[in-house]
Amino acid sequence: MLCQITDNEIGQELMKLTLEQKIAHGGHPVLRWMMGNIFARTDPAGNIKADKEKSAEKIDGTVATIMALDRAIRCGNGSGGESVYNERGLLIL
């Protein structure tokens, strides 16, 4: 079952967590650099989105962070804290 969460809510949540200094990345220099490169734009509907074309440099790590936050908010951890890898192990291709 999918939750009704919009892209705008993800953008607002990331902004809130960032301003509250609740995003922990261990001071990783590449992610810090990518976060500094982000250009956020607001579309006519009021949605906050990362604009890759207007961003000065690479922002891939920031976009991955946004996608991970989206996944965490939409799905949570319905397995009671257990990792899927404890149940099925790693898949090797």
PDB file of N, CA and C in Angstrom:
ATOM      1  N   MET A   1       0.845  -1.182   0.000  1.00  0.00           N
ATOM      2  CA  MET A   1       0.000   0.000   0.000  1.00  0.00           C
ATOM      3  C   MET A   1       0.884   1.237   0.000  1.00  0.00           C
ATOM      4  N   LEU A   2       0.646   2.151  -0.946  1.00  0.00           N
ATOM      5  CA  LEU A   2       1.431   3.369  -1.036  1.00  0.00           C
ATOM      6  C   LEU A   2       0.804   4.467  -0.205  1.00  0.00           C
ATOM      7  N   CYS A   3       1.647   5.232   0.471  1.00  0.00           N
ATOM      8  CA  CYS A   3       1.186   6.391   1.224  1.00  0.00           C
ATOM      9  C   CYS A   3       0.981   7.544   0.254  1.00  0.00           C
ATOM     10  N   GLN A   4       0.156   8.476   0.610  1.00  0.00           N
ATOM     11  CA  GLN A   4      -0.066   9.657  -0.219  1.00  0.00           C
ATOM     12  C   GLN A   4       0.908  10.754   0.224  1.00  0.00           C
ATOM     13  N   ILE A   5       2.112  10.702  -0.277  1.00  0.00           N
ATOM     14  CA  ILE A   5       3.144  11.680   0.046  1.00  0.00           C
ATOM     15  C   ILE A   5       3.594  12.299  -1.262  1.00  0.00           C
ATOM     16  N   THR A   6       3.664  13.617  -1.298  1.00  0.00           N
ATOM     17  CA  THR A   6       4.051  14.299  -2.529  1.00  0.00           C
ATOM     18  C   THR A   6       5.538  14.596  -2.530  1.00  0.00           C
ATOM     19  N   ASP A   7       6.060  14.887  -3.729  1.00  0.00           N
ATOM     20  CA  ASP A   7       7.458  15.308  -3.853  1.00  0.00           C
ATOM     21  C   ASP A   7       7.721  16.549  -3.022  1.00  0.00           C
ATOM     22  N   ASN A   8       6.724  17.427  -2.943  1.00  0.00           N
ATOM     23  CA  ASN A   8       6.887  18.658  -2.176  1.00  0.00           C
ATOM     24  C   ASN A   8       7.115  18.349  -0.697  1.00  0.00           C
ATOM     25  N   GLU A   9       6.394  17.376  -0.171  1.00  0.00           N
ATOM     26  CA  GLU A   9       6.572  17.001   1.237  1.00  0.00           C
ATOM     27  C   GLU A   9       7.976  16.458   1.485  1.00  0.00           C
ATOM     28  N   ILE A  10       8.534  15.734   0.525  1.00  0.00           N
ATOM     29  CA  ILE A  10       9.890  15.212   0.656  1.00  0.00           C
ATOM     30  C   ILE A  10      10.880  16.376   0.665  1.00  0.00           C
ATOM     31  N   GLY A  11      10.703  17.322  -0.261  1.00  0.00           N
ATOM     32  CA  GLY A  11      11.576  18.496  -0.321  1.00  0.00           C
ATOM     33  C   GLY A  11      11.509  19.316   0.955  1.00  0.00           C
ATOM     34  N   GLN A  12      10.303  19.520   1.468  1.00  0.00           N
ATOM     35  CA  GLN A  12      10.140  20.281   2.711  1.00  0.00           C
ATOM     36  C   GLN A  12      10.754  19.537   3.894  1.00  0.00           C
ATOM     37  N   GLU A  13      10.592  18.219   3.936  1.00  0.00           N
ATOM     38  CA  GLU A  13      11.156  17.429   5.035  1.00  0.00           C
ATOM     39  C   GLU A  13      12.684  17.469   4.992  1.00  0.00           C
ATOM     40  N   LEU A  14      13.271  17.366   3.805  1.00  0.00           N
ATOM     41  CA  LEU A  14      14.726  17.448   3.697  1.00  0.00           C
ATOM     42  C   LEU A  14      15.220  18.811   4.146  1.00  0.00           C
ATOM     43  N   MET A  15      14.526  19.863   3.738  1.00  0.00           N
ATOM     44  CA  MET A  15      14.918  21.210   4.147  1.00  0.00           C
ATOM     45  C   MET A  15      14.826  21.357   5.666  1.00  0.00           C
ATOM     46  N   LYS A  16      13.741  20.852   6.250  1.00  0.00           N
ATOM     47  CA  LYS A  16      13.547  20.923   7.700  1.00  0.00           C
ATOM     48  C   LYS A  16      14.651  20.166   8.431  1.00  0.00           C
ATOM     49  N   LEU A  17      14.920  18.934   8.008  1.00  0.00           N
ATOM     50  CA  LEU A  17      15.949  18.124   8.668  1.00  0.00           C
ATOM     51  C   LEU A  17      17.336  18.747   8.518  1.00  0.00           C
ATOM     52  N   THR A  18      17.589  19.359   7.361  1.00  0.00           N
ATOM     53  CA  THR A  18      18.880  20.009   7.141  1.00  0.00           C
ATOM     54  C   THR A  18      19.035  21.219   8.050  1.00  0.00           C
ATOM     55  N   LEU A  19      18.009  22.059   8.121  1.00  0.00           N
ATOM     56  CA  LEU A  19      18.070  23.255   8.971  1.00  0.00           C
ATOM     57  C   LEU A  19      18.163  22.900  10.453  1.00  0.00           C
ATOM     58  N   GLU A  20      17.546  21.790  10.846  1.00  0.00           N
ATOM     59  CA  GLU A  20      17.619  21.322  12.234  1.00  0.00           C
ATOM     60  C   GLU A  20      18.911  20.555  12.506  1.00  0.00           C
ATOM     61  N   GLN A  21      19.764  20.425  11.490  1.00  0.00           N
ATOM     62  CA  GLN A  21      21.028  19.696  11.566  1.00  0.00           C
ATOM     63  C   GLN A  21      20.817  18.249  12.020  1.00  0.00           C
ATOM     64  N   LYS A  22      19.780  17.620  11.451  1.00  0.00           N
ATOM     65  CA  LYS A  22      19.467  16.231  11.770  1.00  0.00           C
ATOM     66  C   LYS A  22      19.847  15.277  10.645  1.00  0.00           C
ATOM     67  N   ILE A  23      20.489  15.798   9.599  1.00  0.00           N
ATOM     68  CA  ILE A  23      21.003  14.947   8.532  1.00  0.00           C
ATOM     69  C   ILE A  23      22.448  14.641   8.896  1.00  0.00           C
ATOM     70  N   ALA A  24      22.723  13.397   9.204  1.00  0.00           N
ATOM     71  CA  ALA A  24      24.073  13.000   9.604  1.00  0.00           C
ATOM     72  C   ALA A  24      24.756  12.294   8.451  1.00  0.00           C
ATOM     73  N   HIS A  25      25.874  12.833   8.027  1.00  0.00           N
ATOM     74  CA  HIS A  25      26.642  12.179   6.970  1.00  0.00           C
ATOM     75  C   HIS A  25      28.101  12.052   7.363  1.00  0.00           C
ATOM     76  N   GLY A  26      28.382  12.247   8.630  1.00  0.00           N
ATOM     77  CA  GLY A  26      29.731  12.046   9.144  1.00  0.00           C
ATOM     78  C   GLY A  26      30.748  13.042   8.602  1.00  0.00           C
ATOM     79  N   GLY A  27      30.275  14.194   8.112  1.00  0.00           N
ATOM     80  CA  GLY A  27      31.190  15.188   7.569  1.00  0.00           C
ATOM     81  C   GLY A  27      31.851  14.758   6.279  1.00  0.00           C
ATOM     82  N   HIS A  28      31.231  13.825   5.561  1.00  0.00           N
ATOM     83  CA  HIS A  28      31.824  13.318   4.327  1.00  0.00           C
ATOM     84  C   HIS A  28      32.030  14.479   3.352  1.00  0.00           C
ATOM     85  N   PRO A  29      33.269  14.713   2.912  1.00  0.00           N
ATOM     86  CA  PRO A  29      33.557  15.899   2.098  1.00  0.00           C
ATOM     87  C   PRO A  29      32.851  15.917   0.741  1.00  0.00           C
ATOM     88  N   VAL A  30      32.647  14.768   0.117  1.00  0.00           N
ATOM     89  CA  VAL A  30      31.998  14.754  -1.197  1.00  0.00           C
ATOM     90  C   VAL A  30      30.519  15.089  -1.062  1.00  0.00           C
ATOM     91  N   LEU A  31      29.828  14.494  -0.069  1.00  0.00           N
ATOM     92  CA  LEU A  31      28.418  14.807   0.123  1.00  0.00           C
ATOM     93  C   LEU A  31      28.255  16.264   0.552  1.00  0.00           C
ATOM     94  N   ARG A  32      29.136  16.760   1.390  1.00  0.00           N
ATOM     95  CA  ARG A  32      29.081  18.170   1.800  1.00  0.00           C
ATOM     96  C   ARG A  32      29.206  19.062   0.560  1.00  0.00           C
ATOM     97  N   TRP A  33      30.129  18.720  -0.334  1.00  0.00           N
ATOM     98  CA  TRP A  33      30.339  19.481  -1.558  1.00  0.00           C
ATOM     99  C   TRP A  33      29.091  19.438  -2.437  1.00  0.00           C
ATOM    100  N   MET A  34      28.511  18.234  -2.595  1.00  0.00           N
ATOM    101  CA  MET A  34      27.317  18.094  -3.430  1.00  0.00           C
ATOM    102  C   MET A  34      26.124  18.840  -2.841  1.00  0.00           C
ATOM    103  N   MET A  35      25.962  18.805  -1.528  1.00  0.00           N
ATOM    104  CA  MET A  35      24.866  19.538  -0.888  1.00  0.00           C
ATOM    105  C   MET A  35      25.027  21.035  -1.120  1.00  0.00           C
ATOM    106  N   GLY A  36      26.273  21.497  -1.157  1.00  0.00           N
ATOM    107  CA  GLY A  36      26.536  22.905  -1.421  1.00  0.00           C
ATOM    108  C   GLY A  36      26.279  23.301  -2.867  1.00  0.00           C
ATOM    109  N   ASN A  37      26.247  22.336  -3.756  1.00  0.00           N
ATOM    110  CA  ASN A  37      26.024  22.611  -5.173  1.00  0.00           C
ATOM    111  C   ASN A  37      24.553  22.668  -5.564  1.00  0.00           C
ATOM    112  N   ILE A  38      23.681  22.220  -4.677  1.00  0.00           N
ATOM    113  CA  ILE A  38      22.268  22.069  -5.040  1.00  0.00           C
ATOM    114  C   ILE A  38      21.603  23.415  -5.277  1.00  0.00           C
ATOM    115  N   PHE A  39      20.776  23.467  -6.307  1.00  0.00           N
ATOM    116  CA  PHE A  39      19.932  24.619  -6.585  1.00  0.00           C
ATOM    117  C   PHE A  39      18.505  24.117  -6.482  1.00  0.00           C
ATOM    118  N   ALA A  40      17.783  24.576  -5.476  1.00  0.00           N
ATOM    119  CA  ALA A  40      16.397  24.159  -5.296  1.00  0.00           C
ATOM    120  C   ALA A  40      15.497  25.185  -5.954  1.00  0.00           C
ATOM    121  N   ARG A  41      14.523  24.695  -6.683  1.00  0.00           N
ATOM    122  CA  ARG A  41      13.565  25.602  -7.315  1.00  0.00           C
ATOM    123  C   ARG A  41      12.161  25.219  -6.861  1.00  0.00           C
ATOM    124  N   THR A  42      11.287  26.183  -6.928  1.00  0.00           N
ATOM    125  CA  THR A  42       9.888  25.962  -6.597  1.00  0.00           C
ATOM    126  C   THR A  42       9.090  26.089  -7.885  1.00  0.00           C
ATOM    127  N   ASP A  43       8.344  25.053  -8.214  1.00  0.00           N
ATOM    128  CA  ASP A  43       7.543  25.102  -9.438  1.00  0.00           C
ATOM    129  C   ASP A  43       6.245  25.878  -9.182  1.00  0.00           C
ATOM    130  N   PRO A  44       5.458  26.134 -10.218  1.00  0.00           N
ATOM    131  CA  PRO A  44       4.222  26.912 -10.043  1.00  0.00           C
ATOM    132  C   PRO A  44       3.244  26.322  -9.026  1.00  0.00           C
ATOM    133  N   ALA A  45       3.315  25.010  -8.792  1.00  0.00           N
ATOM    134  CA  ALA A  45       2.423  24.366  -7.819  1.00  0.00           C
ATOM    135  C   ALA A  45       2.961  24.469  -6.393  1.00  0.00           C
ATOM    136  N   GLY A  46       4.158  25.059  -6.232  1.00  0.00           N
ATOM    137  CA  GLY A  46       4.749  25.210  -4.902  1.00  0.00           C
ATOM    138  C   GLY A  46       5.622  24.052  -4.476  1.00  0.00           C
ATOM    139  N   ASN A  47       5.900  23.104  -5.384  1.00  0.00           N
ATOM    140  CA  ASN A  47       6.757  21.964  -5.065  1.00  0.00           C
ATOM    141  C   ASN A  47       8.219  22.381  -5.088  1.00  0.00           C
ATOM    142  N   ILE A  48       8.980  21.942  -4.089  1.00  0.00           N
ATOM    143  CA  ILE A  48      10.408  22.218  -4.014  1.00  0.00           C
ATOM    144  C   ILE A  48      11.135  21.048  -4.660  1.00  0.00           C
ATOM    145  N   LYS A  49      11.973  21.348  -5.656  1.00  0.00           N
ATOM    146  CA  LYS A  49      12.681  20.289  -6.371  1.00  0.00           C
ATOM    147  C   LYS A  49      14.126  20.693  -6.621  1.00  0.00           C
ATOM    148  N   ALA A  50      15.002  19.698  -6.717  1.00  0.00           N
ATOM    149  CA  ALA A  50      16.401  19.939  -7.076  1.00  0.00           C
ATOM    150  C   ALA A  50      16.459  20.194  -8.582  1.00  0.00           C
ATOM    151  N   ASP A  51      17.133  21.256  -8.975  1.00  0.00           N
ATOM    152  CA  ASP A  51      17.267  21.598 -10.391  1.00  0.00           C
ATOM    153  C   ASP A  51      18.688  21.297 -10.832  1.00  0.00           C
ATOM    154  N   LYS A  52      18.868  20.168 -11.504  1.00  0.00           N
ATOM    155  CA  LYS A  52      20.201  19.723 -11.910  1.00  0.00           C
ATOM    156  C   LYS A  52      20.818  20.659 -12.943  1.00  0.00           C
ATOM    157  N   GLU A  53      19.996  21.215 -13.826  1.00  0.00           N
ATOM    158  CA  GLU A  53      20.513  22.094 -14.872  1.00  0.00           C
ATOM    159  C   GLU A  53      21.072  23.399 -14.318  1.00  0.00           C
ATOM    160  N   LYS A  54      20.485  23.914 -13.250  1.00  0.00           N
ATOM    161  CA  LYS A  54      20.948  25.183 -12.686  1.00  0.00           C
ATOM    162  C   LYS A  54      21.984  24.989 -11.581  1.00  0.00           C
ATOM    163  N   SER A  55      22.190  23.768 -11.137  1.00  0.00           N
ATOM    164  CA  SER A  55      23.174  23.503 -10.091  1.00  0.00           C
ATOM    165  C   SER A  55      24.571  23.676 -10.668  1.00  0.00           C
ATOM    166  N   ALA A  56      25.480  24.237  -9.868  1.00  0.00           N
ATOM    167  CA  ALA A  56      26.825  24.579 -10.333  1.00  0.00           C
ATOM    168  C   ALA A  56      27.651  23.344 -10.711  1.00  0.00           C
ATOM    169  N   GLU A  57      27.595  22.312  -9.911  1.00  0.00           N
ATOM    170  CA  GLU A  57      28.409  21.110 -10.106  1.00  0.00           C
ATOM    171  C   GLU A  57      27.535  19.880  -9.888  1.00  0.00           C
ATOM    172  N   LYS A  58      28.164  18.755  -9.622  1.00  0.00           N
ATOM    173  CA  LYS A  58      27.463  17.484  -9.397  1.00  0.00           C
ATOM    174  C   LYS A  58      26.578  17.546  -8.151  1.00  0.00           C
ATOM    175  N   ILE A  59      25.387  16.930  -8.244  1.00  0.00           N
ATOM    176  CA  ILE A  59      24.472  16.860  -7.100  1.00  0.00           C
ATOM    177  C   ILE A  59      23.930  15.447  -6.914  1.00  0.00           C
ATOM    178  N   ASP A  60      24.560  14.450  -7.532  1.00  0.00           N
ATOM    179  CA  ASP A  60      24.041  13.086  -7.509  1.00  0.00           C
ATOM    180  C   ASP A  60      23.851  12.544  -6.090  1.00  0.00           C
ATOM    181  N   GLY A  61      24.794  12.819  -5.193  1.00  0.00           N
ATOM    182  CA  GLY A  61      24.685  12.355  -3.808  1.00  0.00           C
ATOM    183  C   GLY A  61      23.502  12.981  -3.095  1.00  0.00           C
ATOM    184  N   THR A  62      23.225  14.248  -3.414  1.00  0.00           N
ATOM    185  CA  THR A  62      22.077  14.932  -2.824  1.00  0.00           C
ATOM    186  C   THR A  62      20.782  14.326  -3.339  1.00  0.00           C
ATOM    187  N   VAL A  63      20.726  14.044  -4.628  1.00  0.00           N
ATOM    188  CA  VAL A  63      19.539  13.431  -5.219  1.00  0.00           C
ATOM    189  C   VAL A  63      19.328  12.039  -4.620  1.00  0.00           C
ATOM    190  N   ALA A  64      20.400  11.292  -4.409  1.00  0.00           N
ATOM    191  CA  ALA A  64      20.294   9.970  -3.776  1.00  0.00           C
ATOM    192  C   ALA A  64      19.771  10.110  -2.348  1.00  0.00           C
ATOM    193  N   THR A  65      20.190  11.154  -1.644  1.00  0.00           N
ATOM    194  CA  THR A  65      19.690  11.414  -0.287  1.00  0.00           C
ATOM    195  C   THR A  65      18.195  11.699  -0.320  1.00  0.00           C
ATOM    196  N   ILE A  66      17.753  12.494  -1.293  1.00  0.00           N
ATOM    197  CA  ILE A  66      16.328  12.806  -1.442  1.00  0.00           C
ATOM    198  C   ILE A  66      15.538  11.527  -1.723  1.00  0.00           C
ATOM    199  N   MET A  67      16.065  10.681  -2.600  1.00  0.00           N
ATOM    200  CA  MET A  67      15.388   9.422  -2.928  1.00  0.00           C
ATOM    201  C   MET A  67      15.322   8.489  -1.720  1.00  0.00           C
ATOM    202  N   ALA A  68      16.390   8.442  -0.931  1.00  0.00           N
ATOM    203  CA  ALA A  68      16.404   7.597   0.268  1.00  0.00           C
ATOM    204  C   ALA A  68      15.409   8.111   1.303  1.00  0.00           C
ATOM    205  N   LEU A  69      15.333   9.430   1.458  1.00  0.00           N
ATOM    206  CA  LEU A  69      14.376  10.017   2.397  1.00  0.00           C
ATOM    207  C   LEU A  69      12.955   9.724   1.941  1.00  0.00           C
ATOM    208  N   ASP A  70      12.707   9.832   0.648  1.00  0.00           N
ATOM    209  CA  ASP A  70      11.398   9.501   0.096  1.00  0.00           C
ATOM    210  C   ASP A  70      11.015   8.067   0.430  1.00  0.00           C
ATOM    211  N   ARG A  71      11.950   7.154   0.211  1.00  0.00           N
ATOM    212  CA  ARG A  71      11.709   5.732   0.491  1.00  0.00           C
ATOM    213  C   ARG A  71      11.436   5.498   1.981  1.00  0.00           C
ATOM    214  N   ALA A  72      12.210   6.156   2.834  1.00  0.00           N
ATOM    215  CA  ALA A  72      12.045   5.976   4.276  1.00  0.00           C
ATOM    216  C   ALA A  72      10.696   6.501   4.745  1.00  0.00           C
ATOM    217  N   ILE A  73      10.281   7.640   4.203  1.00  0.00           N
ATOM    218  CA  ILE A  73       8.992   8.206   4.621  1.00  0.00           C
ATOM    219  C   ILE A  73       7.835   7.383   4.067  1.00  0.00           C
ATOM    220  N   ARG A  74       7.920   7.004   2.812  1.00  0.00           N
ATOM    221  CA  ARG A  74       6.826   6.242   2.193  1.00  0.00           C
ATOM    222  C   ARG A  74       6.683   4.840   2.775  1.00  0.00           C
ATOM    223  N   CYS A  75       7.789   4.178   3.000  1.00  0.00           N
ATOM    224  CA  CYS A  75       7.732   2.763   3.376  1.00  0.00           C
ATOM    225  C   CYS A  75       8.057   2.509   4.840  1.00  0.00           C
ATOM    226  N   GLY A  76       8.806   3.394   5.451  1.00  0.00           N
ATOM    227  CA  GLY A  76       9.215   3.150   6.815  1.00  0.00           C
ATOM    228  C   GLY A  76      10.024   1.874   6.895  1.00  0.00           C
ATOM    229  N   ASN A  77      10.007   1.261   8.043  1.00  0.00           N
ATOM    230  CA  ASN A  77      10.681  -0.018   8.200  1.00  0.00           C
ATOM    231  C   ASN A  77       9.657  -0.997   8.748  1.00  0.00           C
ATOM    232  N   GLY A  78       8.861  -1.555   7.849  1.00  0.00           N
ATOM    233  CA  GLY A  78       7.777  -2.439   8.243  1.00  0.00           C
ATOM    234  C   GLY A  78       8.220  -3.798   8.731  1.00  0.00           C
ATOM    235  N   SER A  79       9.515  -4.051   8.759  1.00  0.00           N
ATOM    236  CA  SER A  79       9.983  -5.372   9.166  1.00  0.00           C
ATOM    237  C   SER A  79      10.329  -5.441  10.649  1.00  0.00           C
ATOM    238  N   GLY A  80       9.928  -4.422  11.405  1.00  0.00           N
ATOM    239  CA  GLY A  80      10.180  -4.463  12.843  1.00  0.00           C
ATOM    240  C   GLY A  80      11.635  -4.243  13.215  1.00  0.00           C
ATOM    241  N   GLY A  81      12.381  -3.544  12.366  1.00  0.00           N
ATOM    242  CA  GLY A  81      13.765  -3.238  12.679  1.00  0.00           C
ATOM    243  C   GLY A  81      14.764  -4.230  12.120  1.00  0.00           C
ATOM    244  N   GLU A  82      14.291  -5.342  11.601  1.00  0.00           N
ATOM    245  CA  GLU A  82      15.180  -6.352  11.030  1.00  0.00           C
ATOM    246  C   GLU A  82      15.522  -5.989   9.590  1.00  0.00           C
ATOM    247  N   SER A  83      16.721  -6.233   9.201  1.00  0.00           N
ATOM    248  CA  SER A  83      17.152  -6.006   7.835  1.00  0.00           C
ATOM    249  C   SER A  83      16.693  -7.157   6.954  1.00  0.00           C
ATOM    250  N   VAL A  84      16.327  -6.841   5.716  1.00  0.00           N
ATOM    251  CA  VAL A  84      15.940  -7.880   4.761  1.00  0.00           C
ATOM    252  C   VAL A  84      17.097  -8.856   4.549  1.00  0.00           C
ATOM    253  N   TYR A  85      18.326  -8.381   4.714  1.00  0.00           N
ATOM    254  CA  TYR A  85      19.488  -9.239   4.499  1.00  0.00           C
ATOM    255  C   TYR A  85      19.625 -10.303   5.592  1.00  0.00           C
ATOM    256  N   ASN A  86      19.065 -10.068   6.764  1.00  0.00           N
ATOM    257  CA  ASN A  86      19.067 -11.091   7.818  1.00  0.00           C
ATOM    258  C   ASN A  86      18.167 -12.262   7.418  1.00  0.00           C
ATOM    259  N   GLU A  87      17.136 -11.960   6.660  1.00  0.00           N
ATOM    260  CA  GLU A  87      16.173 -12.987   6.266  1.00  0.00           C
ATOM    261  C   GLU A  87      16.596 -13.756   5.017  1.00  0.00           C
ATOM    262  N   ARG A  88      17.077 -13.041   3.981  1.00  0.00           N
ATOM    263  CA  ARG A  88      17.360 -13.707   2.722  1.00  0.00           C
ATOM    264  C   ARG A  88      18.833 -13.678   2.330  1.00  0.00           C
ATOM    265  N   GLY A  89      19.652 -12.900   3.002  1.00  0.00           N
ATOM    266  CA  GLY A  89      21.067 -12.801   2.646  1.00  0.00           C
ATOM    267  C   GLY A  89      21.291 -11.889   1.461  1.00  0.00           C
ATOM    268  N   LEU A  90      22.534 -11.770   1.022  1.00  0.00           N
ATOM    269  CA  LEU A  90      22.882 -10.920  -0.111  1.00  0.00           C
ATOM    270  C   LEU A  90      22.569 -11.626  -1.414  1.00  0.00           C
ATOM    271  N   LEU A  91      22.197 -10.851  -2.414  1.00  0.00           N
ATOM    272  CA  LEU A  91      22.005 -11.383  -3.752  1.00  0.00           C
ATOM    273  C   LEU A  91      23.246 -11.021  -4.559  1.00  0.00           C
ATOM    274  N   ILE A  92      23.861 -11.999  -5.167  1.00  0.00           N
ATOM    275  CA  ILE A  92      25.081 -11.772  -5.932  1.00  0.00           C
ATOM    276  C   ILE A  92      24.807 -12.075  -7.380  1.00  0.00           C
ATOM    277  N   LEU A  93      25.126 -11.127  -8.250  1.00  0.00           N
ATOM    278  CA  LEU A  93      24.906 -11.308  -9.690  1.00  0.00           C
ATOM    279  C   LEU A  93      26.156 -11.792 -10.360  1.00  0.00           C
TER     280      LEU A  93
END
